C-alpha cells in the first residue's frame, strides 16, 4: 500500500479478506480430497483446483505482508 500507514479500517478489511481467502483455500482442500477419493479423478479439474489453491496461498501471504509494518534495521 505504499509508504503510508494503514488505518484501522483498512487493516480490518485486509484481515477480513485474508480470512475469506483462507476459507476458500480450506474448501478447495476438501474438494480436491473428495475428487481424489471418489475414484478416478478428473486430472485437469484437480490441477485447476490446486493451481487456485497456490494462488490463494500467495495472495494471503502478500496481504499479510501489508499488515506487518516494515522494520528498519
N, C-alpha and C. Protein backbone atom coordinates (compact mmCIF):
# COMPACT_ATOMS: atom_id res chain seq x y z
N UNK A 1 0.80 -1.19 0.00
CA UNK A 1 0.00 0.00 0.00
C UNK A 1 0.84 1.25 0.00
N UNK A 2 2.12 1.12 -0.16
CA UNK A 2 2.95 2.31 -0.23
C UNK A 2 3.59 2.62 1.11
N UNK A 3 3.98 3.89 1.27
CA UNK A 3 4.70 4.30 2.46
C UNK A 3 3.79 4.75 3.59
N UNK A 4 2.52 4.95 3.35
CA UNK A 4 1.62 5.41 4.39
C UNK A 4 1.14 4.24 5.23
N UNK A 5 0.90 4.54 6.52
CA UNK A 5 0.40 3.51 7.42
C UNK A 5 -1.07 3.23 7.11
N UNK A 6 -1.46 2.00 7.36
CA UNK A 6 -2.85 1.61 7.13
C UNK A 6 -3.72 2.07 8.28
N UNK A 7 -4.91 2.51 7.97
CA UNK A 7 -5.86 2.87 9.01
C UNK A 7 -6.40 1.58 9.63
N UNK A 8 -7.03 1.70 10.79
CA UNK A 8 -7.62 0.53 11.43
C UNK A 8 -8.69 -0.09 10.54
N UNK A 9 -9.44 0.74 9.83
CA UNK A 9 -10.47 0.23 8.92
C UNK A 9 -9.84 -0.58 7.78
N UNK A 10 -8.73 -0.08 7.24
CA UNK A 10 -8.03 -0.81 6.17
C UNK A 10 -7.46 -2.12 6.69
N UNK A 11 -6.91 -2.09 7.90
CA UNK A 11 -6.38 -3.32 8.49
C UNK A 11 -7.49 -4.34 8.70
N UNK A 12 -8.63 -3.89 9.18
CA UNK A 12 -9.77 -4.78 9.41
C UNK A 12 -10.24 -5.39 8.08
N UNK A 13 -10.28 -4.55 7.04
CA UNK A 13 -10.70 -5.03 5.71
C UNK A 13 -9.72 -6.08 5.19
N UNK A 14 -8.42 -5.85 5.39
CA UNK A 14 -7.41 -6.82 4.96
C UNK A 14 -7.56 -8.13 5.73
N UNK A 15 -7.76 -8.04 7.05
CA UNK A 15 -7.93 -9.27 7.85
C UNK A 15 -9.17 -10.04 7.40
N UNK A 16 -10.25 -9.32 7.11
CA UNK A 16 -11.47 -9.98 6.62
C UNK A 16 -11.22 -10.68 5.29
N UNK A 17 -10.52 -10.00 4.40
CA UNK A 17 -10.22 -10.58 3.09
C UNK A 17 -9.33 -11.81 3.25
N UNK A 18 -8.34 -11.73 4.13
CA UNK A 18 -7.45 -12.86 4.38
C UNK A 18 -8.25 -14.06 4.88
N UNK A 19 -9.18 -13.81 5.80
CA UNK A 19 -9.98 -14.91 6.34
C UNK A 19 -10.85 -15.55 5.26
N UNK A 20 -11.43 -14.73 4.38
CA UNK A 20 -12.25 -15.29 3.28
C UNK A 20 -11.39 -16.13 2.35
N UNK A 21 -10.18 -15.66 2.05
CA UNK A 21 -9.28 -16.42 1.17
C UNK A 21 -8.85 -17.73 1.82
N UNK A 22 -8.57 -17.68 3.12
CA UNK A 22 -8.19 -18.91 3.84
C UNK A 22 -9.34 -19.92 3.83
N UNK A 23 -10.55 -19.42 3.99
CA UNK A 23 -11.72 -20.30 3.96
C UNK A 23 -11.86 -20.96 2.59
N UNK A 24 -11.67 -20.18 1.53
CA UNK A 24 -11.73 -20.75 0.18
C UNK A 24 -10.63 -21.79 0.00
N UNK A 25 -9.45 -21.52 0.55
CA UNK A 25 -8.33 -22.46 0.47
C UNK A 25 -8.70 -23.77 1.15
N UNK A 26 -9.31 -23.69 2.33
CA UNK A 26 -9.75 -24.91 3.04
C UNK A 26 -10.81 -25.66 2.24
N UNK A 27 -11.74 -24.91 1.65
CA UNK A 27 -12.78 -25.53 0.84
C UNK A 27 -12.18 -26.27 -0.36
N UNK A 28 -11.16 -25.68 -0.96
CA UNK A 28 -10.50 -26.34 -2.10
C UNK A 28 -9.81 -27.62 -1.65
N UNK A 29 -9.20 -27.60 -0.46
CA UNK A 29 -8.60 -28.82 0.09
C UNK A 29 -9.63 -29.94 0.14
N UNK A 30 -10.80 -29.61 0.68
CA UNK A 30 -11.86 -30.61 0.81
C UNK A 30 -12.33 -31.08 -0.57
N UNK A 31 -12.46 -30.18 -1.51
CA UNK A 31 -12.91 -30.54 -2.86
C UNK A 31 -11.90 -31.44 -3.55
N UNK A 32 -10.63 -31.12 -3.41
CA UNK A 32 -9.57 -31.93 -4.03
C UNK A 32 -9.57 -33.32 -3.42
N UNK A 33 -9.68 -33.39 -2.10
CA UNK A 33 -9.69 -34.69 -1.43
C UNK A 33 -10.91 -35.51 -1.86
N UNK A 34 -12.06 -34.88 -1.94
CA UNK A 34 -13.28 -35.59 -2.35
C UNK A 34 -13.14 -36.10 -3.77
N UNK A 35 -12.60 -35.29 -4.68
CA UNK A 35 -12.41 -35.72 -6.06
C UNK A 35 -11.46 -36.90 -6.14
N UNK A 36 -10.40 -36.83 -5.35
CA UNK A 36 -9.38 -37.88 -5.37
C UNK A 36 -9.91 -39.18 -4.79
N UNK A 37 -10.70 -39.08 -3.72
CA UNK A 37 -11.21 -40.29 -3.05
C UNK A 37 -12.39 -40.92 -3.77
N UNK A 38 -13.04 -40.18 -4.65
CA UNK A 38 -14.25 -40.69 -5.30
C UNK A 38 -13.95 -41.57 -6.51
N UNK A 39 -12.71 -41.96 -6.66
CA UNK A 39 -12.36 -42.81 -7.79
C UNK A 39 -11.44 -42.07 -8.73
N UNK A 40 -11.47 -42.48 -9.99
CA UNK A 40 -10.59 -41.81 -10.96
C UNK A 40 -10.99 -40.34 -11.09
N UNK A 41 -10.14 -39.50 -10.54
CA UNK A 41 -10.41 -38.07 -10.54
C UNK A 41 -10.11 -37.46 -11.91
N UNK A 42 -10.83 -36.42 -12.20
CA UNK A 42 -10.57 -35.64 -13.41
C UNK A 42 -9.28 -34.86 -13.16
N UNK A 43 -8.20 -35.30 -13.77
CA UNK A 43 -6.88 -34.70 -13.51
C UNK A 43 -6.85 -33.21 -13.82
N UNK A 44 -7.50 -32.82 -14.90
CA UNK A 44 -7.50 -31.41 -15.27
C UNK A 44 -8.21 -30.59 -14.19
N UNK A 45 -9.33 -31.08 -13.70
CA UNK A 45 -10.07 -30.37 -12.65
C UNK A 45 -9.22 -30.27 -11.38
N UNK A 46 -8.57 -31.36 -10.99
CA UNK A 46 -7.72 -31.36 -9.80
C UNK A 46 -6.58 -30.38 -9.98
N UNK A 47 -5.97 -30.36 -11.16
CA UNK A 47 -4.88 -29.42 -11.44
C UNK A 47 -5.36 -27.98 -11.29
N UNK A 48 -6.53 -27.68 -11.82
CA UNK A 48 -7.07 -26.32 -11.72
C UNK A 48 -7.32 -25.93 -10.27
N UNK A 49 -7.87 -26.85 -9.49
CA UNK A 49 -8.12 -26.57 -8.08
C UNK A 49 -6.81 -26.34 -7.32
N UNK A 50 -5.80 -27.16 -7.61
CA UNK A 50 -4.51 -26.99 -6.96
C UNK A 50 -3.86 -25.67 -7.35
N UNK A 51 -4.00 -25.28 -8.61
CA UNK A 51 -3.44 -24.00 -9.06
C UNK A 51 -4.13 -22.85 -8.34
N UNK A 52 -5.45 -22.95 -8.18
CA UNK A 52 -6.20 -21.92 -7.46
C UNK A 52 -5.76 -21.86 -6.00
N UNK A 53 -5.50 -23.04 -5.39
CA UNK A 53 -5.01 -23.08 -4.01
C UNK A 53 -3.68 -22.35 -3.87
N UNK A 54 -2.78 -22.57 -4.82
CA UNK A 54 -1.48 -21.90 -4.77
C UNK A 54 -1.64 -20.39 -4.90
N UNK A 55 -2.53 -19.97 -5.81
CA UNK A 55 -2.77 -18.54 -5.98
C UNK A 55 -3.30 -17.94 -4.69
N UNK A 56 -4.23 -18.64 -4.05
CA UNK A 56 -4.80 -18.16 -2.79
C UNK A 56 -3.73 -18.04 -1.71
N UNK A 57 -2.88 -19.05 -1.62
CA UNK A 57 -1.80 -19.01 -0.62
C UNK A 57 -0.90 -17.81 -0.84
N UNK A 58 -0.52 -17.57 -2.10
CA UNK A 58 0.34 -16.42 -2.41
C UNK A 58 -0.35 -15.10 -2.11
N UNK A 59 -1.64 -15.02 -2.42
CA UNK A 59 -2.41 -13.79 -2.16
C UNK A 59 -2.51 -13.52 -0.66
N UNK A 60 -2.77 -14.56 0.12
CA UNK A 60 -2.83 -14.41 1.57
C UNK A 60 -1.48 -13.91 2.09
N UNK A 61 -0.42 -14.48 1.59
CA UNK A 61 0.93 -14.08 2.03
C UNK A 61 1.18 -12.60 1.73
N UNK A 62 0.80 -12.15 0.53
CA UNK A 62 1.00 -10.74 0.17
C UNK A 62 0.16 -9.82 1.06
N UNK A 63 -1.07 -10.21 1.32
CA UNK A 63 -1.93 -9.39 2.18
C UNK A 63 -1.40 -9.33 3.61
N UNK A 64 -0.91 -10.46 4.10
CA UNK A 64 -0.33 -10.48 5.45
C UNK A 64 0.89 -9.57 5.52
N UNK A 65 1.68 -9.54 4.46
CA UNK A 65 2.84 -8.65 4.41
C UNK A 65 2.42 -7.19 4.51
N UNK A 66 1.26 -6.85 3.96
CA UNK A 66 0.78 -5.47 4.04
C UNK A 66 0.39 -5.10 5.46
N UNK A 67 -0.02 -6.08 6.25
CA UNK A 67 -0.42 -5.83 7.63
C UNK A 67 0.77 -5.65 8.55
N UNK A 68 1.89 -6.24 8.18
CA UNK A 68 3.08 -6.19 9.02
C UNK A 68 3.92 -4.99 8.60
N UNK A 69 4.14 -4.03 9.52
CA UNK A 69 4.93 -2.86 9.15
C UNK A 69 6.39 -3.23 8.89
N UNK A 70 7.00 -2.52 7.97
CA UNK A 70 8.42 -2.73 7.69
C UNK A 70 9.23 -2.28 8.90
N UNK A 71 10.19 -3.10 9.26
CA UNK A 71 11.06 -2.76 10.39
C UNK A 71 12.42 -2.37 9.80
N UNK A 72 12.84 -1.17 10.11
CA UNK A 72 14.12 -0.68 9.61
C UNK A 72 15.20 -1.14 10.59
N UNK A 73 16.15 -1.92 10.09
CA UNK A 73 17.20 -2.46 10.95
C UNK A 73 18.29 -1.45 11.18
